[in-house]
Protein backbone atom coordinates (compact mmCIF):
# COMPACT_ATOMS: atom_id res chain seq x y z
CA MET A 1 83.94 -2.65 31.60
CA GLY A 2 83.08 -1.57 28.33
CA GLY A 3 80.99 1.96 27.91
CA GLN A 4 79.57 1.53 31.68
CA TYR A 5 82.87 3.41 33.49
CA SER A 6 83.82 6.49 32.62
CA THR A 7 87.55 7.22 31.67
CA GLU A 8 88.34 9.01 35.59
CA GLY A 9 87.20 6.48 36.67
CA MET A 10 89.18 3.72 35.14
CA LEU A 11 92.60 5.66 35.57
CA ARG A 12 91.99 5.90 39.58
CA PHE A 13 90.90 2.23 38.95
CA LEU A 14 94.37 1.80 37.59
CA ASN A 15 95.99 3.32 39.71
CA VAL A 16 94.63 1.31 43.09
CA MET A 17 95.73 -1.40 40.93
CA LYS A 18 99.63 -0.47 40.24
CA ILE A 19 101.85 -2.76 41.36
CA ASP A 20 105.28 -1.10 42.26
CA ALA A 21 107.98 -2.98 42.12
CA ASN A 22 110.53 -0.90 44.01
CA MET A 23 108.68 -1.37 47.60
CA LYS A 24 110.64 -2.42 50.32
CA SER A 25 109.34 -5.08 52.34
CA VAL A 26 107.76 -4.78 56.10
CA ALA A 27 106.78 -7.20 58.04
CA VAL A 28 103.26 -7.06 59.70
CA ASN A 29 105.42 -5.60 63.31
CA GLY A 30 106.49 -2.19 61.23
CA LEU A 31 110.19 -4.51 61.52
CA PRO A 32 112.20 -5.07 58.41
CA PRO A 33 112.22 -8.91 57.47
CA ALA A 34 114.69 -10.76 58.62
CA PRO A 35 117.90 -10.94 55.69
CA ARG A 36 117.19 -14.25 53.49
CA VAL A 37 119.92 -16.86 54.06
CA PRO A 38 121.19 -18.24 50.39
CA SER A 39 119.76 -22.34 50.15
CA GLN A 40 123.13 -24.36 49.74
CA ALA A 41 122.72 -26.29 46.56
CA THR A 42 122.73 -30.09 46.85
CA PRO A 43 124.52 -32.32 44.39
CA ALA A 44 121.83 -34.48 41.66
CA VAL A 45 121.17 -37.75 42.61
CA GLU A 46 120.65 -40.21 40.14
CA SER A 47 117.54 -41.27 40.28
CA ASP A 48 115.71 -43.94 38.53
CA ALA A 49 114.54 -42.64 35.62
CA PHE A 50 117.41 -41.51 34.63
CA ALA A 51 119.55 -44.62 35.16
CA SER A 52 116.45 -45.90 32.76
CA SER A 53 117.42 -43.63 30.14
CA THR A 54 120.75 -44.79 30.41
CA ALA A 55 120.01 -47.98 30.02
CA LEU A 56 117.92 -47.44 26.68
CA VAL A 57 120.43 -45.81 25.45
CA THR A 58 122.21 -48.84 25.52
CA ALA A 59 120.12 -51.02 24.14
CA LEU A 60 119.88 -48.47 21.54
CA LYS A 61 123.81 -48.67 20.80
CA ASN A 62 123.83 -52.65 21.18
CA THR A 63 120.55 -53.45 18.47
CA SER A 64 121.67 -53.48 15.02
CA ASP A 65 120.23 -51.54 12.12
CA THR A 66 118.74 -54.42 10.24
CA ARG A 67 116.49 -57.36 12.00
CA PRO A 68 118.22 -60.44 9.56
CA GLU A 69 114.67 -61.80 10.00
CA ALA A 70 112.64 -59.46 8.48
CA VAL A 71 115.59 -59.46 5.56
CA ALA A 72 115.75 -63.19 4.68
CA ARG A 73 111.58 -62.76 4.77
CA GLY A 74 111.96 -59.77 2.24
CA LEU A 75 114.37 -61.65 -0.08
CA ASN A 76 112.24 -64.65 -0.40
CA LEU A 77 109.33 -63.18 -0.84
CA ILE A 78 111.13 -61.40 -4.01
CA LYS A 79 112.80 -65.00 -4.99
CA SER A 80 109.29 -66.46 -4.93
CA GLY A 81 108.11 -64.40 -8.30
CA ASN A 82 105.17 -64.20 -6.80
CA TYR A 83 105.09 -60.92 -5.34
CA PRO A 84 103.99 -58.04 -5.33
CA SER A 85 100.76 -59.99 -6.28
CA ALA A 86 98.38 -59.39 -9.89
CA ASP A 87 96.09 -57.47 -7.77
CA ALA A 88 98.64 -55.36 -5.54
CA VAL A 89 100.24 -54.24 -8.57
CA LYS A 90 96.70 -53.45 -9.84
CA LYS A 91 95.84 -51.16 -7.18
CA LEU A 92 98.75 -49.91 -6.60
CA SER A 93 98.89 -49.07 -10.63
CA SER A 94 94.96 -47.58 -10.18
CA PHE A 95 96.11 -45.15 -7.22
CA LEU A 96 99.13 -43.90 -8.84
CA ALA A 97 97.24 -42.68 -12.12
CA GLY A 98 94.31 -41.10 -10.40
CA GLN A 99 97.20 -39.09 -8.35
CA LEU A 100 98.30 -38.29 -11.86
CA GLN A 101 95.28 -37.15 -13.21
CA SER A 102 94.55 -34.80 -9.86
CA ASN A 103 98.25 -33.21 -10.07
CA GLN A 104 97.05 -32.34 -14.04
CA GLU A 105 93.82 -31.09 -12.86
């Protein structure tokens, strides 16, 4: 809209576009519209999605916090004396040393 419209022209345009929220509704034939009948609320029906989510929550409650097979694997790795490998320790120490150097700069 920029500078091509005068202020007076813009005000006229805005006045035409103004919406009056207090207008009375009138049907096409000039008669007032029929009153609205309030809808009756219907009780909610359990949907498949809700049933599935309930089943998921129940399954999660019945699942242990740890996985015994993963705990056993970790214990075996620690007992082996070869975990972590020398290569893994070297890579980790290099990474940590780099982090320390970048934090000091």
